[in-house]
Each structure stands twice: as structure tokens, then as C-alpha cells.
All heavy atoms as atom14 arrays in JSON, in Angstrom:
{
  "sequence": "GHWCYARLAKMVIYFFYKNVCYVNLLFWYQFFCGFSGSTMVDYWQ",
  "atom14_mask": [
    [1, 1, 1, 1, 0, 0, 0, 0, 0, 0, 0, 0, 0, 0],
    [1, 1, 1, 1, 1, 1, 1, 1, 1, 1, 0, 0, 0, 0],
    [1, 1, 1, 1, 1, 1, 1, 1, 1, 1, 1, 1, 1, 1],
    [1, 1, 1, 1, 1, 1, 0, 0, 0, 0, 0, 0, 0, 0],
    [1, 1, 1, 1, 1, 1, 1, 1, 1, 1, 1, 1, 0, 0],
    [1, 1, 1, 1, 1, 0, 0, 0, 0, 0, 0, 0, 0, 0],
    [1, 1, 1, 1, 1, 1, 1, 1, 1, 1, 1, 0, 0, 0],
    [1, 1, 1, 1, 1, 1, 1, 1, 0, 0, 0, 0, 0, 0],
    [1, 1, 1, 1, 1, 0, 0, 0, 0, 0, 0, 0, 0, 0],
    [1, 1, 1, 1, 1, 1, 1, 1, 1, 0, 0, 0, 0, 0],
    [1, 1, 1, 1, 1, 1, 1, 1, 0, 0, 0, 0, 0, 0],
    [1, 1, 1, 1, 1, 1, 1, 0, 0, 0, 0, 0, 0, 0],
    [1, 1, 1, 1, 1, 1, 1, 1, 0, 0, 0, 0, 0, 0],
    [1, 1, 1, 1, 1, 1, 1, 1, 1, 1, 1, 1, 0, 0],
    [1, 1, 1, 1, 1, 1, 1, 1, 1, 1, 1, 0, 0, 0],
    [1, 1, 1, 1, 1, 1, 1, 1, 1, 1, 1, 0, 0, 0],
    [1, 1, 1, 1, 1, 1, 1, 1, 1, 1, 1, 1, 0, 0],
    [1, 1, 1, 1, 1, 1, 1, 1, 1, 0, 0, 0, 0, 0],
    [1, 1, 1, 1, 1, 1, 1, 1, 0, 0, 0, 0, 0, 0],
    [1, 1, 1, 1, 1, 1, 1, 0, 0, 0, 0, 0, 0, 0],
    [1, 1, 1, 1, 1, 1, 0, 0, 0, 0, 0, 0, 0, 0],
    [1, 1, 1, 1, 1, 1, 1, 1, 1, 1, 1, 1, 0, 0],
    [1, 1, 1, 1, 1, 1, 1, 0, 0, 0, 0, 0, 0, 0],
    [1, 1, 1, 1, 1, 1, 1, 1, 0, 0, 0, 0, 0, 0],
    [1, 1, 1, 1, 1, 1, 1, 1, 0, 0, 0, 0, 0, 0],
    [1, 1, 1, 1, 1, 1, 1, 1, 0, 0, 0, 0, 0, 0],
    [1, 1, 1, 1, 1, 1, 1, 1, 1, 1, 1, 0, 0, 0],
    [1, 1, 1, 1, 1, 1, 1, 1, 1, 1, 1, 1, 1, 1],
    [1, 1, 1, 1, 1, 1, 1, 1, 1, 1, 1, 1, 0, 0],
    [1, 1, 1, 1, 1, 1, 1, 1, 1, 0, 0, 0, 0, 0],
    [1, 1, 1, 1, 1, 1, 1, 1, 1, 1, 1, 0, 0, 0],
    [1, 1, 1, 1, 1, 1, 1, 1, 1, 1, 1, 0, 0, 0],
    [1, 1, 1, 1, 1, 1, 0, 0, 0, 0, 0, 0, 0, 0],
    [1, 1, 1, 1, 0, 0, 0, 0, 0, 0, 0, 0, 0, 0],
    [1, 1, 1, 1, 1, 1, 1, 1, 1, 1, 1, 0, 0, 0],
    [1, 1, 1, 1, 1, 1, 0, 0, 0, 0, 0, 0, 0, 0],
    [1, 1, 1, 1, 0, 0, 0, 0, 0, 0, 0, 0, 0, 0],
    [1, 1, 1, 1, 1, 1, 0, 0, 0, 0, 0, 0, 0, 0],
    [1, 1, 1, 1, 1, 1, 1, 0, 0, 0, 0, 0, 0, 0],
    [1, 1, 1, 1, 1, 1, 1, 1, 0, 0, 0, 0, 0, 0],
    [1, 1, 1, 1, 1, 1, 1, 0, 0, 0, 0, 0, 0, 0],
    [1, 1, 1, 1, 1, 1, 1, 1, 0, 0, 0, 0, 0, 0],
    [1, 1, 1, 1, 1, 1, 1, 1, 1, 1, 1, 1, 0, 0],
    [1, 1, 1, 1, 1, 1, 1, 1, 1, 1, 1, 1, 1, 1],
    [1, 1, 1, 1, 1, 1, 1, 1, 1, 0, 0, 0, 0, 0]
  ],
  "atom14_positions": [
    [[33.75, -8.74, -10.23], [33.09, -7.81, -11.09], [33.09, -8.32, -12.58], [32.13, -8.29, -13.3], [0.0, 0.0, 0.0], [0.0, 0.0, 0.0], [0.0, 0.0, 0.0], [0.0, 0.0, 0.0], [0.0, 0.0, 0.0], [0.0, 0.0, 0.0], [0.0, 0.0, 0.0], [0.0, 0.0, 0.0], [0.0, 0.0, 0.0], [0.0, 0.0, 0.0]],
    [[34.28, -8.93, -12.94], [34.43, -9.44, -14.26], [33.49, -10.68, -14.46], [32.82, -10.66, -15.5], [35.89, -9.83, -14.6], [36.12, -10.44, -15.78], [36.42, -9.76, -17.02], [36.22, -11.77, -16.23], [36.57, -10.55, -17.96], [36.38, -11.82, -17.58], [0.0, 0.0, 0.0], [0.0, 0.0, 0.0], [0.0, 0.0, 0.0], [0.0, 0.0, 0.0]],
    [[33.55, -11.42, -13.58], [32.69, -12.72, -13.7], [31.25, -12.39, -13.74], [30.51, -13.04, -14.5], [33.0, -13.69, -12.4], [34.31, -14.42, -12.54], [35.14, -14.6, -13.69], [34.92, -15.09, -11.55], [36.27, -15.23, -13.39], [36.13, -15.75, -12.02], [34.69, -15.38, -10.14], [36.96, -16.33, -11.28], [35.43, -16.14, -9.5], [36.67, -16.65, -9.99]],
    [[30.75, -11.42, -12.87], [29.42, -11.06, -12.81], [28.97, -10.55, -14.16], [27.92, -10.7, -14.64], [29.17, -10.02, -11.63], [27.47, -9.62, -11.52], [0.0, 0.0, 0.0], [0.0, 0.0, 0.0], [0.0, 0.0, 0.0], [0.0, 0.0, 0.0], [0.0, 0.0, 0.0], [0.0, 0.0, 0.0], [0.0, 0.0, 0.0], [0.0, 0.0, 0.0]],
    [[29.83, -9.64, -14.7], [29.51, -8.99, -16.05], [29.33, -9.99, -17.09], [28.42, -10.05, -17.88], [30.59, -7.95, -16.33], [30.23, -7.19, -17.69], [29.34, -6.11, -17.56], [30.82, -7.53, -18.89], [29.02, -5.37, -18.76], [30.46, -6.83, -20.05], [29.58, -5.84, -19.98], [29.33, -5.21, -21.15], [0.0, 0.0, 0.0], [0.0, 0.0, 0.0]],
    [[30.33, -10.91, -17.16], [30.24, -11.92, -18.17], [29.21, -12.89, -18.06], [28.54, -13.21, -18.96], [31.62, -12.78, -18.12], [0.0, 0.0, 0.0], [0.0, 0.0, 0.0], [0.0, 0.0, 0.0], [0.0, 0.0, 0.0], [0.0, 0.0, 0.0], [0.0, 0.0, 0.0], [0.0, 0.0, 0.0], [0.0, 0.0, 0.0], [0.0, 0.0, 0.0]],
    [[28.78, -13.19, -16.81], [27.61, -14.05, -16.61], [26.39, -13.23, -17.0], [25.53, -13.95, -17.64], [27.53, -14.46, -15.11], [28.64, -15.48, -14.64], [28.71, -15.73, -13.23], [29.74, -16.39, -12.88], [30.28, -16.52, -11.64], [29.83, -15.68, -10.78], [31.27, -17.29, -11.39], [0.0, 0.0, 0.0], [0.0, 0.0, 0.0], [0.0, 0.0, 0.0]],
    [[26.16, -12.05, -16.52], [24.92, -11.34, -16.97], [24.78, -11.24, -18.43], [23.71, -11.36, -18.91], [25.01, -9.97, -16.28], [24.72, -10.04, -14.74], [24.78, -8.74, -14.13], [23.27, -10.53, -14.5], [0.0, 0.0, 0.0], [0.0, 0.0, 0.0], [0.0, 0.0, 0.0], [0.0, 0.0, 0.0], [0.0, 0.0, 0.0], [0.0, 0.0, 0.0]],
    [[25.89, -10.93, -19.18], [25.78, -10.79, -20.54], [25.46, -12.07, -21.19], [24.52, -12.09, -22.17], [27.17, -10.33, -21.04], [0.0, 0.0, 0.0], [0.0, 0.0, 0.0], [0.0, 0.0, 0.0], [0.0, 0.0, 0.0], [0.0, 0.0, 0.0], [0.0, 0.0, 0.0], [0.0, 0.0, 0.0], [0.0, 0.0, 0.0], [0.0, 0.0, 0.0]],
    [[26.02, -13.2, -20.78], [25.53, -14.47, -21.33], [24.09, -14.86, -20.99], [23.34, -15.4, -21.77], [26.53, -15.61, -20.75], [27.82, -15.47, -21.49], [28.73, -16.6, -20.91], [30.15, -16.51, -21.34], [31.06, -17.45, -20.88], [0.0, 0.0, 0.0], [0.0, 0.0, 0.0], [0.0, 0.0, 0.0], [0.0, 0.0, 0.0], [0.0, 0.0, 0.0]],
    [[23.67, -14.47, -19.82], [22.28, -14.88, -19.42], [21.36, -13.96, -20.15], [20.16, -14.44, -20.47], [22.13, -14.58, -17.87], [22.85, -15.77, -17.02], [22.4, -17.38, -17.56], [20.65, -17.45, -17.19], [0.0, 0.0, 0.0], [0.0, 0.0, 0.0], [0.0, 0.0, 0.0], [0.0, 0.0, 0.0], [0.0, 0.0, 0.0], [0.0, 0.0, 0.0]],
    [[21.64, -12.75, -20.45], [20.64, -11.91, -21.28], [20.48, -12.57, -22.62], [19.45, -12.66, -23.12], [21.22, -10.47, -21.23], [20.51, -9.73, -22.48], [20.96, -9.78, -19.96], [0.0, 0.0, 0.0], [0.0, 0.0, 0.0], [0.0, 0.0, 0.0], [0.0, 0.0, 0.0], [0.0, 0.0, 0.0], [0.0, 0.0, 0.0], [0.0, 0.0, 0.0]],
    [[21.59, -12.98, -23.27], [21.46, -13.56, -24.57], [20.64, -14.92, -24.37], [19.93, -15.26, -25.26], [23.06, -13.93, -25.05], [23.68, -12.55, -25.39], [22.83, -14.62, -26.35], [25.04, -12.73, -25.73], [0.0, 0.0, 0.0], [0.0, 0.0, 0.0], [0.0, 0.0, 0.0], [0.0, 0.0, 0.0], [0.0, 0.0, 0.0], [0.0, 0.0, 0.0]],
    [[20.96, -15.62, -23.34], [20.21, -16.91, -23.19], [18.64, -16.74, -23.02], [17.91, -17.38, -23.75], [20.73, -17.64, -21.96], [19.88, -18.84, -21.59], [19.92, -19.86, -22.2], [19.01, -18.68, -20.49], [19.12, -21.01, -21.78], [18.16, -19.69, -20.14], [18.17, -20.93, -20.78], [17.38, -21.9, -20.46], [0.0, 0.0, 0.0], [0.0, 0.0, 0.0]],
    [[18.27, -15.68, -22.3], [16.83, -15.41, -22.11], [16.23, -14.95, -23.43], [15.08, -15.27, -23.78], [16.65, -14.41, -20.94], [16.71, -14.97, -19.68], [17.68, -14.5, -18.76], [15.94, -16.09, -19.25], [17.86, -15.18, -17.52], [16.11, -16.67, -17.98], [17.01, -16.25, -17.17], [0.0, 0.0, 0.0], [0.0, 0.0, 0.0], [0.0, 0.0, 0.0]],
    [[16.92, -14.17, -24.26], [16.43, -13.89, -25.61], [16.16, -15.02, -26.42], [15.15, -15.26, -27.09], [17.31, -12.82, -26.27], [17.08, -11.31, -25.91], [18.03, -10.58, -25.3], [15.87, -10.68, -26.11], [17.82, -9.31, -24.95], [15.65, -9.44, -25.77], [16.66, -8.66, -25.26], [0.0, 0.0, 0.0], [0.0, 0.0, 0.0], [0.0, 0.0, 0.0]],
    [[17.14, -15.96, -26.38], [17.1, -17.15, -27.12], [15.89, -17.93, -26.67], [15.14, -18.55, -27.53], [18.4, -17.99, -27.03], [18.34, -19.46, -27.57], [18.33, -19.63, -28.93], [18.33, -20.43, -26.66], [18.24, -20.9, -29.33], [18.16, -21.79, -27.13], [18.18, -22.0, -28.46], [18.14, -23.27, -28.89], [0.0, 0.0, 0.0], [0.0, 0.0, 0.0]],
    [[15.73, -18.18, -25.28], [14.72, -18.94, -24.83], [13.38, -18.32, -25.18], [12.39, -19.1, -25.66], [14.8, -18.95, -23.28], [13.65, -19.75, -22.59], [13.57, -19.53, -21.08], [13.07, -18.26, -20.76], [11.68, -17.97, -20.53], [0.0, 0.0, 0.0], [0.0, 0.0, 0.0], [0.0, 0.0, 0.0], [0.0, 0.0, 0.0], [0.0, 0.0, 0.0]],
    [[13.15, -17.16, -24.99], [11.91, -16.5, -25.4], [11.57, -16.57, -26.81], [10.48, -16.67, -27.41], [11.78, -15.04, -24.93], [11.75, -15.01, -23.38], [11.15, -15.98, -22.75], [12.41, -14.09, -22.62], [0.0, 0.0, 0.0], [0.0, 0.0, 0.0], [0.0, 0.0, 0.0], [0.0, 0.0, 0.0], [0.0, 0.0, 0.0], [0.0, 0.0, 0.0]],
    [[12.69, -16.32, -27.71], [12.36, -16.36, -29.24], [11.96, -17.7, -29.55], [11.09, -17.98, -30.4], [13.77, -15.97, -29.96], [13.55, -16.33, -31.4], [13.9, -14.52, -29.93], [0.0, 0.0, 0.0], [0.0, 0.0, 0.0], [0.0, 0.0, 0.0], [0.0, 0.0, 0.0], [0.0, 0.0, 0.0], [0.0, 0.0, 0.0], [0.0, 0.0, 0.0]],
    [[12.58, -18.82, -28.97], [12.2, -20.19, -29.38], [10.76, -20.48, -28.94], [9.94, -21.0, -29.67], [13.17, -21.23, -28.62], [14.72, -21.23, -29.36], [0.0, 0.0, 0.0], [0.0, 0.0, 0.0], [0.0, 0.0, 0.0], [0.0, 0.0, 0.0], [0.0, 0.0, 0.0], [0.0, 0.0, 0.0], [0.0, 0.0, 0.0], [0.0, 0.0, 0.0]],
    [[10.35, -20.06, -27.76], [8.97, -20.26, -27.25], [7.98, -19.51, -28.02], [6.9, -20.0, -28.53], [9.0, -19.98, -25.81], [7.64, -20.29, -25.12], [7.29, -21.63, -24.92], [6.72, -19.33, -24.7], [6.0, -22.1, -24.38], [5.5, -19.67, -24.2], [5.3, -21.06, -24.06], [4.06, -21.53, -23.43], [0.0, 0.0, 0.0], [0.0, 0.0, 0.0]],
    [[8.28, -18.2, -28.26], [7.25, -17.41, -29.06], [7.17, -17.93, -30.53], [6.18, -17.87, -31.1], [7.75, -15.89, -29.01], [6.96, -15.05, -30.01], [7.5, -15.41, -27.57], [0.0, 0.0, 0.0], [0.0, 0.0, 0.0], [0.0, 0.0, 0.0], [0.0, 0.0, 0.0], [0.0, 0.0, 0.0], [0.0, 0.0, 0.0], [0.0, 0.0, 0.0]],
    [[8.36, -18.4, -31.1], [8.32, -18.93, -32.4], [7.43, -20.12, -32.64], [6.71, -20.2, -33.59], [9.8, -19.24, -32.82], [9.9, -19.37, -34.28], [9.12, -18.91, -35.04], [11.0, -19.97, -34.75], [0.0, 0.0, 0.0], [0.0, 0.0, 0.0], [0.0, 0.0, 0.0], [0.0, 0.0, 0.0], [0.0, 0.0, 0.0], [0.0, 0.0, 0.0]],
    [[7.42, -20.92, -31.54], [6.49, -22.21, -31.58], [5.04, -21.68, -31.42], [4.29, -22.2, -32.26], [6.75, -23.04, -30.32], [8.1, -23.92, -30.32], [8.34, -24.57, -29.02], [7.9, -24.9, -31.46], [0.0, 0.0, 0.0], [0.0, 0.0, 0.0], [0.0, 0.0, 0.0], [0.0, 0.0, 0.0], [0.0, 0.0, 0.0], [0.0, 0.0, 0.0]],
    [[4.83, -20.68, -30.7], [3.51, -20.25, -30.59], [2.94, -19.6, -31.79], [1.86, -19.71, -32.34], [3.25, -19.17, -29.37], [3.49, -19.68, -28.03], [3.46, -18.7, -26.98], [2.35, -20.78, -27.67], [0.0, 0.0, 0.0], [0.0, 0.0, 0.0], [0.0, 0.0, 0.0], [0.0, 0.0, 0.0], [0.0, 0.0, 0.0], [0.0, 0.0, 0.0]],
    [[3.81, -18.84, -32.47], [3.57, -18.11, -33.68], [3.19, -19.26, -34.76], [2.09, -19.03, -35.49], [4.72, -17.3, -34.23], [4.54, -16.67, -35.58], [3.67, -15.55, -35.69], [5.15, -17.22, -36.66], [3.46, -14.85, -36.89], [5.06, -16.49, -37.81], [4.2, -15.35, -37.96], [0.0, 0.0, 0.0], [0.0, 0.0, 0.0], [0.0, 0.0, 0.0]],
    [[4.05, -20.23, -35.0], [3.72, -21.18, -36.01], [2.54, -22.07, -35.8], [1.82, -22.57, -36.52], [4.88, -21.97, -36.38], [6.04, -21.17, -37.01], [7.22, -20.76, -36.46], [5.94, -20.68, -38.38], [7.87, -20.03, -37.47], [7.11, -20.03, -38.56], [5.03, -20.74, -39.32], [7.32, -19.31, -39.83], [5.16, -20.13, -40.58], [6.4, -19.45, -40.71]],
    [[2.24, -22.2, -34.41], [1.08, -23.01, -33.99], [-0.23, -22.29, -34.37], [-1.17, -22.88, -34.8], [1.14, -23.37, -32.47], [-0.02, -24.1, -32.11], [-0.35, -25.37, -32.16], [-1.1, -23.41, -31.27], [-1.36, -26.14, -31.8], [-2.25, -24.08, -30.91], [-2.35, -25.46, -31.17], [-3.35, -26.21, -30.72], [0.0, 0.0, 0.0], [0.0, 0.0, 0.0]],
    [[-0.13, -20.96, -34.33], [-1.42, -20.27, -34.73], [-1.79, -20.38, -36.25], [-2.94, -20.41, -36.54], [-1.11, -18.71, -34.47], [-1.21, -18.48, -32.85], [-2.34, -18.98, -32.13], [-3.44, -18.77, -32.6], [-2.11, -19.66, -31.07], [0.0, 0.0, 0.0], [0.0, 0.0, 0.0], [0.0, 0.0, 0.0], [0.0, 0.0, 0.0], [0.0, 0.0, 0.0]],
    [[-0.7, -20.65, -37.06], [-1.01, -20.93, -38.42], [-1.76, -22.35, -38.5], [-2.69, -22.47, -39.4], [0.26, -20.97, -39.29], [0.72, -19.62, -39.71], [1.79, -19.15, -39.03], [0.13, -18.87, -40.59], [2.27, -17.77, -39.44], [0.56, -17.62, -40.97], [1.65, -17.15, -40.42], [0.0, 0.0, 0.0], [0.0, 0.0, 0.0], [0.0, 0.0, 0.0]],
    [[-1.33, -23.26, -37.69], [-1.81, -24.61, -37.67], [-3.25, -24.72, -37.15], [-4.2, -25.28, -37.83], [-0.97, -25.5, -36.81], [-1.48, -26.94, -36.66], [-1.34, -27.81, -37.76], [-1.99, -27.34, -35.51], [-1.82, -29.04, -37.64], [-2.55, -28.55, -35.46], [-2.45, -29.6, -36.52], [0.0, 0.0, 0.0], [0.0, 0.0, 0.0], [0.0, 0.0, 0.0]],
    [[-3.53, -23.8, -36.11], [-4.91, -23.88, -35.76], [-5.87, -22.79, -36.25], [-6.9, -22.51, -35.75], [-4.85, -23.78, -34.13], [-4.47, -22.17, -33.46], [0.0, 0.0, 0.0], [0.0, 0.0, 0.0], [0.0, 0.0, 0.0], [0.0, 0.0, 0.0], [0.0, 0.0, 0.0], [0.0, 0.0, 0.0], [0.0, 0.0, 0.0], [0.0, 0.0, 0.0]],
    [[-5.42, -22.15, -37.2], [-6.32, -21.18, -37.91], [-6.34, -19.78, -37.08], [-7.54, -19.27, -37.19], [0.0, 0.0, 0.0], [0.0, 0.0, 0.0], [0.0, 0.0, 0.0], [0.0, 0.0, 0.0], [0.0, 0.0, 0.0], [0.0, 0.0, 0.0], [0.0, 0.0, 0.0], [0.0, 0.0, 0.0], [0.0, 0.0, 0.0], [0.0, 0.0, 0.0]],
    [[-5.51, -19.42, -36.35], [-5.6, -18.16, -35.52], [-6.72, -18.15, -34.6], [-7.34, -17.11, -34.35], [-5.48, -16.92, -36.47], [-4.08, -16.82, -37.05], [-4.04, -17.24, -38.47], [-3.06, -16.24, -36.47], [-2.84, -17.17, -39.05], [-1.81, -16.11, -37.2], [-1.63, -16.51, -38.54], [0.0, 0.0, 0.0], [0.0, 0.0, 0.0], [0.0, 0.0, 0.0]],
    [[-7.12, -19.3, -34.03], [-8.34, -19.42, -33.15], [-8.0, -18.9, -31.78], [-8.8, -18.69, -30.88], [-8.76, -20.85, -33.18], [-7.87, -21.65, -32.47], [0.0, 0.0, 0.0], [0.0, 0.0, 0.0], [0.0, 0.0, 0.0], [0.0, 0.0, 0.0], [0.0, 0.0, 0.0], [0.0, 0.0, 0.0], [0.0, 0.0, 0.0], [0.0, 0.0, 0.0]],
    [[-6.75, -18.8, -31.55], [-6.35, -18.36, -30.1], [-6.24, -19.55, -29.15], [-6.18, -19.37, -27.87], [0.0, 0.0, 0.0], [0.0, 0.0, 0.0], [0.0, 0.0, 0.0], [0.0, 0.0, 0.0], [0.0, 0.0, 0.0], [0.0, 0.0, 0.0], [0.0, 0.0, 0.0], [0.0, 0.0, 0.0], [0.0, 0.0, 0.0], [0.0, 0.0, 0.0]],
    [[-6.37, -20.75, -29.59], [-6.24, -21.77, -28.69], [-4.84, -21.94, -28.21], [-3.9, -21.62, -28.93], [-6.73, -23.16, -29.36], [-5.94, -23.4, -30.4], [0.0, 0.0, 0.0], [0.0, 0.0, 0.0], [0.0, 0.0, 0.0], [0.0, 0.0, 0.0], [0.0, 0.0, 0.0], [0.0, 0.0, 0.0], [0.0, 0.0, 0.0], [0.0, 0.0, 0.0]],
    [[-4.69, -22.62, -27.05], [-3.24, -22.61, -26.48], [-2.53, -23.94, -26.96], [-3.24, -24.95, -27.08], [-3.27, -22.74, -24.99], [-4.08, -23.82, -24.54], [-3.87, -21.38, -24.37], [0.0, 0.0, 0.0], [0.0, 0.0, 0.0], [0.0, 0.0, 0.0], [0.0, 0.0, 0.0], [0.0, 0.0, 0.0], [0.0, 0.0, 0.0], [0.0, 0.0, 0.0]],
    [[-1.27, -23.8, -27.18], [-0.5, -25.05, -27.61], [-0.29, -25.94, -26.54], [-0.23, -27.18, -26.78], [0.7, -24.47, -28.34], [1.55, -25.47, -28.95], [3.03, -24.95, -29.68], [4.04, -24.44, -28.26], [0.0, 0.0, 0.0], [0.0, 0.0, 0.0], [0.0, 0.0, 0.0], [0.0, 0.0, 0.0], [0.0, 0.0, 0.0], [0.0, 0.0, 0.0]],
    [[0.05, -25.38, -25.52], [0.37, -26.23, -24.27], [-0.49, -25.98, -23.06], [-1.04, -24.97, -23.06], [1.86, -25.99, -23.88], [2.81, -26.61, -24.94], [2.14, -24.53, -23.55], [0.0, 0.0, 0.0], [0.0, 0.0, 0.0], [0.0, 0.0, 0.0], [0.0, 0.0, 0.0], [0.0, 0.0, 0.0], [0.0, 0.0, 0.0], [0.0, 0.0, 0.0]],
    [[-0.53, -26.89, -22.24], [-1.3, -26.82, -20.97], [-0.67, -25.7, -20.11], [0.5, -25.52, -20.19], [-1.35, -28.21, -20.26], [-2.31, -28.09, -18.97], [-3.33, -27.44, -19.15], [-2.02, -28.67, -18.07], [0.0, 0.0, 0.0], [0.0, 0.0, 0.0], [0.0, 0.0, 0.0], [0.0, 0.0, 0.0], [0.0, 0.0, 0.0], [0.0, 0.0, 0.0]],
    [[-1.43, -25.18, -19.27], [-0.98, -24.02, -18.4], [0.14, -24.52, -17.43], [1.08, -23.79, -17.33], [-2.15, -23.52, -17.57], [-1.82, -22.42, -16.61], [-1.57, -21.08, -17.08], [-1.86, -22.55, -15.27], [-1.18, -20.13, -16.16], [-1.55, -21.56, -14.35], [-1.28, -20.28, -14.9], [-0.91, -19.33, -14.02], [0.0, 0.0, 0.0], [0.0, 0.0, 0.0]],
    [[0.02, -25.7, -16.89], [1.08, -26.24, -16.1], [2.32, -26.58, -16.8], [3.4, -26.37, -16.28], [0.51, -27.54, -15.42], [-0.47, -27.01, -14.21], [-1.82, -27.32, -14.33], [-0.21, -26.44, -13.04], [-2.38, -26.8, -13.21], [-1.45, -26.31, -12.37], [0.96, -26.05, -12.36], [-1.58, -25.74, -11.15], [0.86, -25.48, -11.05], [-0.37, -25.36, -10.47]],
    [[2.2, -27.03, -18.08], [3.37, -27.26, -18.84], [4.19, -25.95, -19.1], [5.35, -25.95, -19.06], [3.06, -27.84, -20.09], [2.62, -29.38, -19.92], [2.12, -29.94, -21.27], [1.64, -29.28, -22.06], [2.24, -31.3, -21.27], [0.0, 0.0, 0.0], [0.0, 0.0, 0.0], [0.0, 0.0, 0.0], [0.0, 0.0, 0.0], [0.0, 0.0, 0.0]]
  ]
}
């Protein structure tokens, strides 16, 4: 129970970090492409 709680708490923080990094890249890319809505990376990537 202790290990599960500690792991879940760390994983929630990790997923927030991962998503913030990814969305941050997309946000700044939109300034670069003039908010045209073009994708930064390929769908498979």
C-alpha cells in the first residue's frame, strides 16, 4: 500500500511534467508558424 501510493504520486507528477513539456512546445511553435494550426510533428511521431 505504501509503495503503491508513493509510485502513483510520483507518476501523477511525471505525467503533468510530460504534458506540460509537450504542450509548451506546441504553444511556442504556433508563434513560429503564425498560428496557422499546422502540426509541429508527424502523427506517427
